[in-house]
Amino acid sequence: LEGMLKPALREHKLGNAQILEIFDVGKVGKVAGCRVTNGLARRGAKVRLLRDDIVIHDGTLKTLRSFKDDVREVKEGFECGMSFENYSDLRQDDVMEFYEVEEVARTLDS
């Protein structure tokens, strides 16, 4: 019976970043110049965009660059450039919250 249960989804927070400046880059669109304020930012992670502590977008991080290089992750204290899939309403001082969602097998006890 346990095999028939849908897995539970658990959110794991990775870190936060603050947008310092917005750049308009030709084909790519808008790119946010950010500083990771705690934890880390990981390419492909889920991202919540917060403006005045209100979630205005929940999506996926499309690109992550450090200087001119594509990188997999950026750690706390470092600056980077990033863009989102299908979203471009970015503003200076917006905060990004990075997280991953994992599936956890449920049991009849839970």
C-alpha atoms as a PDB file:
ATOM      1  CA  LEU A   1       0.000   0.000   0.000  1.00  0.00           C
ATOM      2  CA  GLU A   2       2.839   2.409   0.798  1.00  0.00           C
ATOM      3  CA  GLY A   3       3.994   2.189  -2.819  1.00  0.00           C
ATOM      4  CA  MET A   4       0.682   3.701  -3.933  1.00  0.00           C
ATOM      5  CA  LEU A   5       1.146   6.864  -1.850  1.00  0.00           C
ATOM      6  CA  LYS A   6       2.318   9.973  -3.678  1.00  0.00           C
ATOM      7  CA  PRO A   7       5.695  11.138  -2.387  1.00  0.00           C
ATOM      8  CA  ALA A   8       5.756  14.122  -0.047  1.00  0.00           C
ATOM      9  CA  LEU A   9       7.586  17.213  -1.312  1.00  0.00           C
ATOM     10  CA  ARG A  10      10.162  18.756   0.997  1.00  0.00           C
ATOM     11  CA  GLU A  11      11.697  22.169   0.351  1.00  0.00           C
ATOM     12  CA  HIS A  12      15.397  22.678   1.106  1.00  0.00           C
ATOM     13  CA  LYS A  13      16.586  26.313   1.250  1.00  0.00           C
ATOM     14  CA  LEU A  14      19.942  26.970  -0.424  1.00  0.00           C
ATOM     15  CA  GLY A  15      20.468  30.702   0.123  1.00  0.00           C
ATOM     16  CA  ASN A  16      19.584  34.308  -0.720  1.00  0.00           C
ATOM     17  CA  ALA A  17      20.916  36.979  -3.061  1.00  0.00           C
ATOM     18  CA  GLN A  18      20.197  40.676  -3.477  1.00  0.00           C
ATOM     19  CA  ILE A  19      19.947  42.379  -6.870  1.00  0.00           C
ATOM     20  CA  LEU A  20      22.495  45.190  -7.093  1.00  0.00           C
ATOM     21  CA  GLU A  21      21.942  46.230 -10.712  1.00  0.00           C
ATOM     22  CA  ILE A  22      19.966  45.210 -13.822  1.00  0.00           C
ATOM     23  CA  PHE A  23      21.636  44.796 -17.230  1.00  0.00           C
ATOM     24  CA  ASP A  24      19.848  44.547 -20.586  1.00  0.00           C
ATOM     25  CA  VAL A  25      21.805  42.014 -22.640  1.00  0.00           C
ATOM     26  CA  GLY A  26      20.663  41.680 -26.267  1.00  0.00           C
ATOM     27  CA  LYS A  27      19.347  38.175 -26.998  1.00  0.00           C
ATOM     28  CA  VAL A  28      19.433  37.042 -23.363  1.00  0.00           C
ATOM     29  CA  GLY A  29      17.155  39.815 -22.083  1.00  0.00           C
ATOM     30  CA  LYS A  30      17.478  41.221 -18.580  1.00  0.00           C
ATOM     31  CA  VAL A  31      20.265  39.934 -16.356  1.00  0.00           C
ATOM     32  CA  ALA A  32      20.396  40.632 -12.629  1.00  0.00           C
ATOM     33  CA  GLY A  33      23.766  41.566 -11.158  1.00  0.00           C
ATOM     34  CA  CYS A  34      23.594  40.115  -7.636  1.00  0.00           C
ATOM     35  CA  ARG A  35      25.515  39.447  -4.450  1.00  0.00           C
ATOM     36  CA  VAL A  36      24.844  36.171  -2.623  1.00  0.00           C
ATOM     37  CA  THR A  37      24.058  37.296   0.937  1.00  0.00           C
ATOM     38  CA  ASN A  38      23.867  33.861   2.563  1.00  0.00           C
ATOM     39  CA  GLY A  39      24.180  30.225   1.531  1.00  0.00           C
ATOM     40  CA  LEU A  40      24.652  29.721  -2.203  1.00  0.00           C
ATOM     41  CA  ALA A  41      22.991  30.165  -5.582  1.00  0.00           C
ATOM     42  CA  ARG A  42      22.842  27.093  -7.823  1.00  0.00           C
ATOM     43  CA  ARG A  43      22.023  27.016 -11.541  1.00  0.00           C
ATOM     44  CA  GLY A  44      18.786  25.136 -12.193  1.00  0.00           C
ATOM     45  CA  ALA A  45      17.534  25.733  -8.642  1.00  0.00           C
ATOM     46  CA  LYS A  46      14.048  26.994  -7.916  1.00  0.00           C
ATOM     47  CA  VAL A  47      13.916  30.719  -7.136  1.00  0.00           C
ATOM     48  CA  ARG A  48      11.448  32.966  -5.369  1.00  0.00           C
ATOM     49  CA  LEU A  49      11.730  36.646  -6.216  1.00  0.00           C
ATOM     50  CA  LEU A  50      10.710  38.861  -3.295  1.00  0.00           C
ATOM     51  CA  ARG A  51       9.932  42.555  -3.503  1.00  0.00           C
ATOM     52  CA  ASP A  52       9.180  44.284  -0.179  1.00  0.00           C
ATOM     53  CA  ASP A  53       8.941  40.803   1.463  1.00  0.00           C
ATOM     54  CA  ILE A  54       6.183  39.733  -0.949  1.00  0.00           C
ATOM     55  CA  VAL A  55       6.742  36.852  -3.389  1.00  0.00           C
ATOM     56  CA  ILE A  56       6.217  38.244  -6.889  1.00  0.00           C
ATOM     57  CA  HIS A  57       7.613  35.326  -8.908  1.00  0.00           C
ATOM     58  CA  ASP A  58       8.408  31.673  -8.329  1.00  0.00           C
ATOM     59  CA  GLY A  59      10.446  30.091 -11.103  1.00  0.00           C
ATOM     60  CA  THR A  60      13.716  28.510 -12.174  1.00  0.00           C
ATOM     61  CA  LEU A  61      17.179  30.035 -12.455  1.00  0.00           C
ATOM     62  CA  LYS A  62      18.174  29.841 -16.129  1.00  0.00           C
ATOM     63  CA  THR A  63      21.714  31.235 -16.228  1.00  0.00           C
ATOM     64  CA  LEU A  64      24.353  31.802 -13.582  1.00  0.00           C
ATOM     65  CA  ARG A  65      27.608  33.554 -14.398  1.00  0.00           C
ATOM     66  CA  SER A  66      30.580  34.747 -12.436  1.00  0.00           C
ATOM     67  CA  PHE A  67      32.399  37.419 -14.427  1.00  0.00           C
ATOM     68  CA  LYS A  68      32.334  35.986 -17.988  1.00  0.00           C
ATOM     69  CA  ASP A  69      32.207  32.301 -16.998  1.00  0.00           C
ATOM     70  CA  ASP A  70      29.148  30.059 -16.740  1.00  0.00           C
ATOM     71  CA  VAL A  71      29.249  28.508 -13.275  1.00  0.00           C
ATOM     72  CA  ARG A  72      27.252  25.832 -11.464  1.00  0.00           C
ATOM     73  CA  GLU A  73      27.047  27.659  -8.141  1.00  0.00           C
ATOM     74  CA  VAL A  74      28.117  30.869  -6.402  1.00  0.00           C
ATOM     75  CA  LYS A  75      28.836  30.998  -2.671  1.00  0.00           C
ATOM     76  CA  GLU A  76      28.030  33.587  -0.011  1.00  0.00           C
ATOM     77  CA  GLY A  77      29.773  36.950  -0.396  1.00  0.00           C
ATOM     78  CA  PHE A  78      30.445  36.630  -4.128  1.00  0.00           C
ATOM     79  CA  GLU A  79      28.812  38.562  -6.971  1.00  0.00           C
ATOM     80  CA  CYS A  80      27.261  37.002 -10.046  1.00  0.00           C
ATOM     81  CA  GLY A  81      24.893  37.573 -12.944  1.00  0.00           C
ATOM     82  CA  MET A  82      21.711  35.559 -13.372  1.00  0.00           C
ATOM     83  CA  SER A  83      18.540  35.398 -15.397  1.00  0.00           C
ATOM     84  CA  PHE A  84      15.247  33.546 -15.048  1.00  0.00           C
ATOM     85  CA  GLU A  85      13.254  31.358 -17.395  1.00  0.00           C
ATOM     86  CA  ASN A  86      10.296  33.325 -18.799  1.00  0.00           C
ATOM     87  CA  TYR A  87      10.532  36.289 -16.406  1.00  0.00           C
ATOM     88  CA  SER A  88      12.178  39.702 -16.700  1.00  0.00           C
ATOM     89  CA  ASP A  89      10.441  42.134 -14.282  1.00  0.00           C
ATOM     90  CA  LEU A  90      13.545  42.560 -12.132  1.00  0.00           C
ATOM     91  CA  ARG A  91      14.351  45.587  -9.977  1.00  0.00           C
ATOM     92  CA  GLN A  92      17.296  46.757  -7.934  1.00  0.00           C
ATOM     93  CA  ASP A  93      17.092  45.623  -4.265  1.00  0.00           C
ATOM     94  CA  ASP A  94      14.775  42.670  -5.023  1.00  0.00           C
ATOM     95  CA  VAL A  95      15.758  39.586  -3.024  1.00  0.00           C
ATOM     96  CA  MET A  96      16.039  36.094  -4.468  1.00  0.00           C
ATOM     97  CA  GLU A  97      15.553  32.986  -2.358  1.00  0.00           C
ATOM     98  CA  PHE A  98      17.047  29.787  -3.818  1.00  0.00           C
ATOM     99  CA  TYR A  99      15.658  26.380  -2.935  1.00  0.00           C
ATOM    100  CA  GLU A 100      15.374  22.794  -4.125  1.00  0.00           C
ATOM    101  CA  VAL A 101      12.401  20.478  -3.811  1.00  0.00           C
ATOM    102  CA  GLU A 102      12.987  16.812  -3.049  1.00  0.00           C
ATOM    103  CA  GLU A 103      10.530  13.960  -3.073  1.00  0.00           C
ATOM    104  CA  VAL A 104      10.357  11.913   0.115  1.00  0.00           C
ATOM    105  CA  ALA A 105       8.650   8.527   0.157  1.00  0.00           C
ATOM    106  CA  ARG A 106       5.650   8.543   2.449  1.00  0.00           C
ATOM    107  CA  THR A 107       4.709   5.747   4.800  1.00  0.00           C
ATOM    108  CA  LEU A 108       1.384   4.802   6.309  1.00  0.00           C
ATOM    109  CA  ASP A 109       2.677   6.180   9.641  1.00  0.00           C
ATOM    110  CA  SER A 110       2.975   9.746   8.313  1.00  0.00           C
END
